[in-house]
């Protein structure tokens, strides 16, 4: 991988996390201006923006979904960073305040229960907050009213999504009695069904996290009526985060960006891989016969059957041509023959990784 400074193409996949450190200055300043505090100087804001970009790079590099995040449209990743900056929540896996979730080549932000708890604590009305889930076989008792209490101890049943029966939240208020919210499984299922993406990666991958957050969200909505100023605005933004991330309009927007970029790449690939008309046909290797404009894309598509990859055909053609062969254009007959032979005639490269595929003799 090249370490040279590469200008980020915002309407294309990010490809490398290092590209985040090369965002245009205007985008970095936009992130810097999004931090909610009124007490930050311009230099402090830029420093915080740089820290958040570094955190995002580290997060992606250590994520189990790294390849899918790198395949997300760069603009959606930048927008996710902007969202976290507006909440002033660090993207650090050890803290678990938020998660970046790839969905259909779009980077989305999910506020985890620790992050929501942090926003609630910033209101200055509670001293501490606890949340948890209950599984079949657990000992769980509680009482609401003027002097609420809750007692819980873990049982012997497996901690599976199917066995989850309740989620709960306790806020230790600085003034007055504790606040307790308890939600049964039927209520949690309704919350999931009412979300804009009930079968999305957040609910599928972090079910217990999402159910822990449900009673916290209910409690936080009550707090909004009693808390003013910037803390209330930030908390309100956090509560609205999931639905805004999976809004159909946002998804359609990035789908169109992705399609426009793919069309552009396909046109560039077709122009770069077309055999020079002035050059004679090679003698060692029979020249390919191309009768249709989309013949190359059709061949690549057939080669990709059964191969799991987030790249579109046109994007992969450019990846092989420009990255694997380190060329920006085809300038000679020999170069054209080598490229065409590698990706079409010999079919010698894995379309998901760009690695050479050994033949049966080499595998043996």
Protein backbone atom coordinates (compact mmCIF):
# COMPACT_ATOMS: atom_id res chain seq x y z
CA UNK A 1 0.00 0.00 0.00
CA UNK A 2 1.27 3.44 -0.90
CA UNK A 3 2.08 5.88 1.91
CA UNK A 4 1.90 8.89 -0.42
CA UNK A 5 -0.66 11.60 0.34
CA UNK A 6 -3.82 10.70 -1.53
CA UNK A 7 -6.68 13.11 -2.03
CA UNK A 8 -9.87 11.56 -0.69
CA UNK A 9 -12.55 10.95 -3.30
CA UNK A 10 -15.70 11.61 -1.29
CA UNK A 11 -18.11 9.83 -3.67
CA UNK A 12 -16.06 6.60 -3.75
CA UNK A 13 -15.21 3.88 -1.20
CA UNK A 14 -12.68 5.02 1.41
CA UNK A 15 -10.41 1.99 0.61
CA UNK A 16 -7.70 2.84 3.16
CA UNK A 17 -8.14 4.24 6.68
CA UNK A 18 -5.04 6.39 6.15
CA UNK A 19 -7.05 8.49 3.69
CA UNK A 20 -8.99 9.95 6.65
CA UNK A 21 -5.91 11.93 7.60
CA UNK A 22 -6.02 13.61 4.17
CA UNK A 23 -9.55 15.02 4.32
CA UNK A 24 -9.91 18.42 2.65
CA UNK A 25 -9.27 21.33 5.01
CA UNK A 26 -12.85 22.53 4.57
CA UNK A 27 -14.18 19.19 5.85
CA UNK A 28 -11.81 19.20 8.84
CA UNK A 29 -12.95 22.71 9.76
CA UNK A 30 -16.59 21.64 9.45
CA UNK A 31 -15.92 18.82 11.94
CA UNK A 32 -14.08 21.26 14.22
CA UNK A 33 -16.99 23.70 14.16
CA UNK A 34 -19.47 20.94 15.11
CA UNK A 35 -18.25 20.45 18.68
CA UNK A 36 -21.01 21.88 20.90
CA UNK A 37 -18.96 23.73 23.52
CA UNK A 38 -18.92 27.54 23.38
CA UNK A 39 -15.65 27.70 25.31
CA UNK A 40 -13.37 26.17 22.66
CA UNK A 41 -10.94 28.30 20.67
CA UNK A 42 -10.45 27.70 16.96
CA UNK A 43 -7.14 25.95 17.62
CA UNK A 44 -8.69 23.70 20.26
CA UNK A 45 -11.49 22.76 17.88
CA UNK A 46 -9.03 21.81 15.14
CA UNK A 47 -7.06 19.75 17.64
CA UNK A 48 -10.22 17.89 18.71
CA UNK A 49 -11.13 17.32 15.06
CA UNK A 50 -7.68 15.83 14.42
CA UNK A 51 -8.05 13.59 17.46
CA UNK A 52 -11.45 12.36 16.26
CA UNK A 53 -10.08 11.55 12.81
CA UNK A 54 -7.24 9.59 14.42
CA UNK A 55 -9.75 7.76 16.64
CA UNK A 56 -11.86 6.87 13.60
CA UNK A 57 -8.83 5.51 11.76
CA UNK A 58 -7.87 3.36 14.76
CA UNK A 59 -11.47 2.23 15.21
CA UNK A 60 -11.72 1.08 11.57
CA UNK A 61 -8.32 -0.65 11.70
CA UNK A 62 -9.36 -2.67 14.78
CA UNK A 63 -12.96 -3.33 13.73
CA UNK A 64 -14.24 -6.81 12.85
CA UNK A 65 -16.05 -5.13 9.97
CA UNK A 66 -12.97 -3.27 8.72
CA UNK A 67 -13.33 -4.40 5.08
CA UNK A 68 -16.99 -3.38 4.97
CA UNK A 69 -16.26 0.01 6.55
CA UNK A 70 -13.48 0.67 4.04
CA UNK A 71 -15.97 -0.15 1.27
CA UNK A 72 -18.36 2.54 2.52
CA UNK A 73 -18.69 5.81 0.61
CA UNK A 74 -16.10 8.18 2.09
CA UNK A 75 -18.66 10.95 2.40
CA UNK A 76 -20.83 8.79 4.69
CA UNK A 77 -17.81 8.14 6.95
CA UNK A 78 -17.06 11.87 7.09
CA UNK A 79 -20.72 12.51 7.94
CA UNK A 80 -20.51 9.94 10.75
CA UNK A 81 -17.47 11.73 12.19
CA UNK A 82 -19.40 15.01 11.95
CA UNK A 83 -22.30 13.45 13.88
CA UNK A 84 -20.04 12.21 16.68
CA UNK A 85 -18.35 15.62 16.86
CA UNK A 86 -21.73 17.32 17.29
CA UNK A 87 -22.34 15.02 20.29
CA UNK A 88 -18.72 15.41 21.48
CA UNK A 89 -18.49 11.65 21.97
CA UNK A 90 -15.08 10.01 21.38
CA UNK A 91 -15.02 6.99 19.08
CA UNK A 92 -13.02 4.71 21.36
CA UNK A 93 -13.88 1.02 21.50
CA UNK A 94 -12.85 0.68 25.15
CA UNK A 95 -15.40 3.33 26.16
CA UNK A 96 -18.13 1.90 23.93
CA UNK A 97 -19.95 5.21 23.51
CA UNK A 98 -20.77 4.67 19.84
CA UNK A 99 -20.20 2.26 16.97
CA UNK A 100 -19.72 2.67 13.22
CA UNK A 101 -21.92 0.18 11.41
CA UNK A 102 -21.63 -0.43 7.63
CA UNK A 103 -24.99 -0.84 5.93
CA UNK A 104 -25.22 -1.17 2.17
CA UNK A 105 -21.89 0.63 1.63
CA UNK A 106 -23.11 3.46 3.87
CA UNK A 107 -21.40 4.16 7.20
CA UNK A 108 -23.95 4.68 9.99
CA UNK A 109 -23.52 5.70 13.65
CA UNK A 110 -25.16 3.77 16.47
CA UNK A 111 -25.21 5.36 19.92
CA UNK A 112 -24.51 2.60 22.46
CA UNK A 113 -26.04 2.59 25.95
CA UNK A 114 -22.77 3.85 27.46
CA UNK A 115 -22.89 6.85 25.12
CA UNK A 116 -26.49 7.63 25.97
CA UNK A 117 -25.62 7.34 29.65
CA UNK A 118 -22.78 9.84 29.16
CA UNK A 119 -25.15 12.35 27.53
CA UNK A 120 -27.62 11.89 30.39
CA UNK A 121 -24.88 12.43 32.99
CA UNK A 122 -23.87 15.70 31.33
CA UNK A 123 -27.25 17.20 32.22
CA UNK A 124 -26.01 17.51 35.81
CA UNK A 125 -29.20 16.09 37.35
CA UNK A 126 -28.01 12.55 38.13
CA UNK A 127 -25.02 11.21 40.00
CA UNK A 128 -24.81 7.80 38.36
CA UNK A 129 -26.76 5.54 36.05
CA UNK A 130 -26.99 1.75 35.73
CA UNK A 131 -28.64 -0.46 33.14
CA UNK A 132 -28.88 -4.18 32.53
CA UNK A 133 -30.81 -7.07 31.01
CA UNK A 134 -32.54 -10.07 32.57
CA UNK A 135 -32.52 -13.64 31.26
CA UNK A 136 -34.70 -16.64 32.02
CA UNK A 137 -33.72 -18.13 35.38
CA UNK A 138 -32.39 -14.86 36.80
CA UNK A 139 -33.64 -13.51 40.14
CA UNK A 140 -35.25 -10.16 39.38
CA UNK A 141 -37.51 -8.12 41.68
CA UNK A 142 -38.39 -4.44 41.71
CA UNK A 143 -40.89 -1.95 43.06
CA UNK A 144 -41.86 1.45 41.73
CA UNK A 145 -43.46 4.36 43.54
CA UNK A 146 -42.21 6.95 46.01
CA UNK A 147 -39.34 4.74 47.21
CA UNK A 148 -38.43 2.55 44.23
CA UNK A 149 -35.96 -0.33 44.49
CA UNK A 150 -34.59 -3.09 42.27
CA UNK A 151 -32.70 -6.30 43.06
CA UNK A 152 -31.13 -8.58 40.49
CA UNK A 153 -28.87 -11.64 40.48
CA UNK A 154 -27.78 -13.82 37.59
CA UNK A 155 -29.16 -17.35 37.17
CA UNK A 156 -27.94 -20.44 35.32
CA UNK A 157 -29.79 -20.09 31.99
CA UNK A 158 -27.82 -19.20 28.85
CA UNK A 159 -27.50 -15.48 28.11
CA UNK A 160 -28.99 -15.71 24.61
CA UNK A 161 -31.17 -13.22 22.76
CA UNK A 162 -34.06 -15.69 22.89
CA UNK A 163 -33.80 -15.99 26.71
CA UNK A 164 -33.79 -12.22 27.33
CA UNK A 165 -36.93 -11.29 29.31
CA UNK A 166 -36.45 -7.71 30.63
CA UNK A 167 -34.18 -4.69 30.51
CA UNK A 168 -33.88 -2.11 33.25
CA UNK A 169 -32.33 1.25 34.09
CA UNK A 170 -31.70 3.03 37.41
CA UNK A 171 -30.72 6.70 37.61
CA UNK A 172 -29.46 7.93 41.00
CA UNK A 173 -30.79 11.46 41.02
CA UNK A 174 -28.85 14.19 42.81
CA UNK A 175 -32.14 15.41 44.25
CA UNK A 176 -35.09 13.19 45.11
CA UNK A 177 -35.57 9.41 44.89
CA UNK A 178 -34.02 7.08 42.33
CA UNK A 179 -35.63 6.80 38.90
CA UNK A 180 -36.29 3.25 37.69
CA UNK A 181 -37.48 2.07 34.28
CA UNK A 182 -38.22 -1.60 33.53
CA UNK A 183 -39.31 -2.96 30.15
CA UNK A 184 -40.60 -6.46 29.47
CA UNK A 185 -39.64 -8.47 26.38
CA UNK A 186 -42.96 -7.68 24.68
CA UNK A 187 -42.22 -3.94 25.01
CA UNK A 188 -38.65 -4.42 23.75
CA UNK A 189 -39.95 -6.27 20.70
CA UNK A 190 -42.33 -3.37 20.00
CA UNK A 191 -39.43 -0.91 20.22
CA UNK A 192 -37.45 -2.96 17.71
CA UNK A 193 -40.43 -3.29 15.35
CA UNK A 194 -41.05 0.48 15.50
CA UNK A 195 -37.45 1.35 14.58
CA UNK A 196 -36.65 2.30 11.00
CA UNK A 197 -34.28 -0.65 10.62
CA UNK A 198 -35.58 -3.54 12.80
CA UNK A 199 -33.54 -6.07 10.81
CA UNK A 200 -30.53 -3.79 10.49
CA UNK A 201 -27.02 -4.59 11.72
CA UNK A 202 -27.46 -2.74 15.04
CA UNK A 203 -30.35 -4.94 16.23
CA UNK A 204 -28.90 -8.10 14.72
CA UNK A 205 -25.36 -7.61 15.97
CA UNK A 206 -25.92 -5.83 19.29
CA UNK A 207 -29.32 -7.01 20.51
CA UNK A 208 -28.52 -6.82 24.23
CA UNK A 209 -26.92 -3.38 23.77
CA UNK A 210 -30.02 -2.08 22.00
CA UNK A 211 -32.36 -3.53 24.65
CA UNK A 212 -30.25 -2.01 27.45
CA UNK A 213 -30.65 1.34 25.75
CA UNK A 214 -34.46 1.13 25.45
CA UNK A 215 -35.35 1.94 29.11
CA UNK A 216 -32.59 4.58 29.15
CA UNK A 217 -34.18 6.28 26.14
CA UNK A 218 -37.56 6.31 27.87
CA UNK A 219 -36.03 7.87 30.99
CA UNK A 220 -34.03 10.38 28.96
CA UNK A 221 -37.20 11.62 27.25
CA UNK A 222 -38.57 12.59 30.67
CA UNK A 223 -35.33 14.37 31.49
CA UNK A 224 -35.56 16.58 28.40
CA UNK A 225 -38.51 18.47 29.87
CA UNK A 226 -36.53 19.39 32.99
CA UNK A 227 -33.10 20.17 31.58
CA UNK A 228 -32.27 23.21 29.51
CA UNK A 229 -29.36 24.54 27.52
CA UNK A 230 -26.79 22.75 25.43
CA UNK A 231 -26.95 19.52 27.44
CA UNK A 232 -30.62 19.09 26.57
CA UNK A 233 -30.00 19.81 22.88
CA UNK A 234 -27.18 17.28 22.71
CA UNK A 235 -29.25 14.65 24.53
CA UNK A 236 -32.14 15.25 22.13
CA UNK A 237 -29.80 14.75 19.16
CA UNK A 238 -28.57 11.49 20.67
CA UNK A 239 -32.11 10.19 21.10
CA UNK A 240 -32.92 10.94 17.45
CA UNK A 241 -29.69 9.46 16.12
CA UNK A 242 -30.73 5.94 15.02
CA UNK A 243 -33.77 7.00 13.04
CA UNK A 244 -31.82 9.74 11.28
CA UNK A 245 -29.03 7.32 10.34
CA UNK A 246 -31.38 4.80 8.73
CA UNK A 247 -33.70 7.35 7.13
CA UNK A 248 -34.70 6.10 3.68
CA UNK A 249 -33.84 9.47 2.14
CA UNK A 250 -30.29 9.28 3.48
CA UNK A 251 -29.90 5.73 2.17
CA UNK A 252 -31.24 6.67 -1.28
CA UNK A 253 -28.87 9.66 -1.36
CA UNK A 254 -25.80 7.48 -0.88
CA UNK A 255 -27.14 4.80 -3.21
CA UNK A 256 -27.29 7.41 -5.98
CA UNK A 257 -23.79 8.68 -5.12
CA UNK A 258 -22.52 5.11 -5.33
CA UNK A 259 -24.24 4.49 -8.67
CA UNK A 260 -22.96 7.75 -10.20
CA UNK A 261 -19.42 6.88 -9.15
CA UNK A 262 -19.74 3.37 -10.56
CA UNK A 263 -20.96 4.70 -13.90
CA UNK A 264 -17.99 7.07 -14.04
CA UNK A 265 -15.54 4.29 -13.19
CA UNK A 266 -17.05 2.00 -15.81
CA UNK A 267 -16.59 4.64 -18.48
CA UNK A 268 -12.98 5.24 -17.42
CA UNK A 269 -12.26 1.51 -17.32
CA UNK A 270 -13.71 0.94 -20.79
CA UNK A 271 -11.62 3.80 -22.19
CA UNK A 272 -8.41 2.64 -20.49
CA UNK A 273 -8.75 -1.04 -21.41
CA UNK A 274 -9.78 -0.60 -25.04
CA UNK A 275 -6.99 -1.88 -27.36
CA UNK A 276 -5.22 0.97 -29.20
CA UNK A 277 -6.60 1.06 -32.74
CA UNK A 278 -3.23 1.92 -34.27
CA UNK A 279 -1.46 -1.09 -32.75
CA UNK A 280 -1.35 -4.41 -34.59
CA UNK A 281 -2.78 -7.50 -32.91
CA UNK A 282 -0.25 -9.31 -30.68
CA UNK A 283 1.25 -12.46 -32.15
CA UNK A 284 2.00 -14.39 -28.95
CA UNK A 285 -1.50 -14.12 -27.48
CA UNK A 286 -4.66 -13.95 -29.62
CA UNK A 287 -6.29 -10.56 -29.21
CA UNK A 288 -9.63 -10.50 -27.37
CA UNK A 289 -12.76 -10.02 -29.40
CA UNK A 290 -14.92 -7.22 -28.03
CA UNK A 291 -18.12 -6.51 -29.93
CA UNK A 292 -20.16 -4.75 -27.24
CA UNK A 293 -19.37 -1.73 -25.08
CA UNK A 294 -20.08 -3.65 -21.90
CA UNK A 295 -18.26 -6.84 -22.90
CA UNK A 296 -15.48 -6.37 -20.35
CA UNK A 297 -17.93 -5.73 -17.52
CA UNK A 298 -19.91 -8.82 -18.60
CA UNK A 299 -16.80 -11.02 -18.51
CA UNK A 300 -15.77 -9.69 -15.12
CA UNK A 301 -19.28 -10.24 -13.81
CA UNK A 302 -19.16 -13.89 -14.91
CA UNK A 303 -15.77 -14.29 -13.24
CA UNK A 304 -17.20 -12.94 -9.97
CA UNK A 305 -20.02 -15.48 -9.61
CA UNK A 306 -19.81 -17.01 -6.16
CA UNK A 307 -17.19 -14.50 -4.98
CA UNK A 308 -18.18 -12.33 -1.99
CA UNK A 309 -16.98 -8.79 -2.52
CA UNK A 310 -18.26 -5.29 -1.77
CA UNK A 311 -16.76 -3.83 -4.96
CA UNK A 312 -18.84 -3.17 -8.03
CA UNK A 313 -17.58 -4.65 -11.33
CA UNK A 314 -16.36 -1.33 -12.70
CA UNK A 315 -14.60 -0.53 -9.42
CA UNK A 316 -12.81 -3.85 -9.48
CA UNK A 317 -11.68 -3.44 -13.08
CA UNK A 318 -10.02 -0.17 -12.10
CA UNK A 319 -8.58 -1.68 -8.95
CA UNK A 320 -6.89 -4.43 -10.94
CA UNK A 321 -5.79 -2.19 -13.76
CA UNK A 322 -4.55 0.79 -11.78
CA UNK A 323 -3.61 -0.67 -8.39
CA UNK A 324 -2.33 -4.15 -9.16
CA UNK A 325 -0.36 -3.05 -12.20
CA UNK A 326 0.37 0.42 -10.77
CA UNK A 327 -0.77 2.08 -13.98
CA UNK A 328 -2.96 5.09 -14.58
CA UNK A 329 -3.38 4.32 -18.27
CA UNK A 330 -2.44 1.75 -20.89
CA UNK A 331 0.22 3.19 -23.20
CA UNK A 332 1.55 0.23 -25.19
CA UNK A 333 0.55 -3.01 -26.83
CA UNK A 334 2.57 -5.03 -24.32
CA UNK A 335 0.84 -3.38 -21.35
CA UNK A 336 -2.58 -3.94 -22.86
CA UNK A 337 -1.85 -7.61 -23.55
CA UNK A 338 -0.54 -8.14 -19.98
CA UNK A 339 -3.58 -6.55 -18.34
CA UNK A 340 -6.14 -8.26 -20.54
CA UNK A 341 -4.42 -11.63 -20.21
CA UNK A 342 -4.27 -11.33 -16.42
CA UNK A 343 -7.88 -10.40 -15.72
CA UNK A 344 -9.75 -11.92 -18.67
CA UNK A 345 -7.93 -14.69 -20.52
CA UNK A 346 -6.09 -16.37 -17.67
CA UNK A 347 -8.55 -15.26 -14.97
CA UNK A 348 -5.60 -15.44 -12.62
CA UNK A 349 -6.61 -13.00 -9.89
CA UNK A 350 -9.11 -13.27 -7.03
CA UNK A 351 -11.70 -10.57 -7.65
CA UNK A 352 -12.31 -9.98 -3.95
CA UNK A 353 -8.67 -9.49 -2.93
CA UNK A 354 -6.59 -8.95 -6.08
CA UNK A 355 -4.38 -11.91 -5.08
CA UNK A 356 -3.21 -14.31 -7.75
CA UNK A 357 -5.17 -17.59 -7.80
CA UNK A 358 -2.88 -20.66 -8.07
CA UNK A 359 -3.81 -23.23 -10.69
CA UNK A 360 -4.61 -26.83 -9.80
CA UNK A 361 -0.99 -27.89 -10.22
CA UNK A 362 0.22 -25.22 -7.81
CA UNK A 363 -2.48 -26.11 -5.26
CA UNK A 364 -1.42 -29.76 -5.33
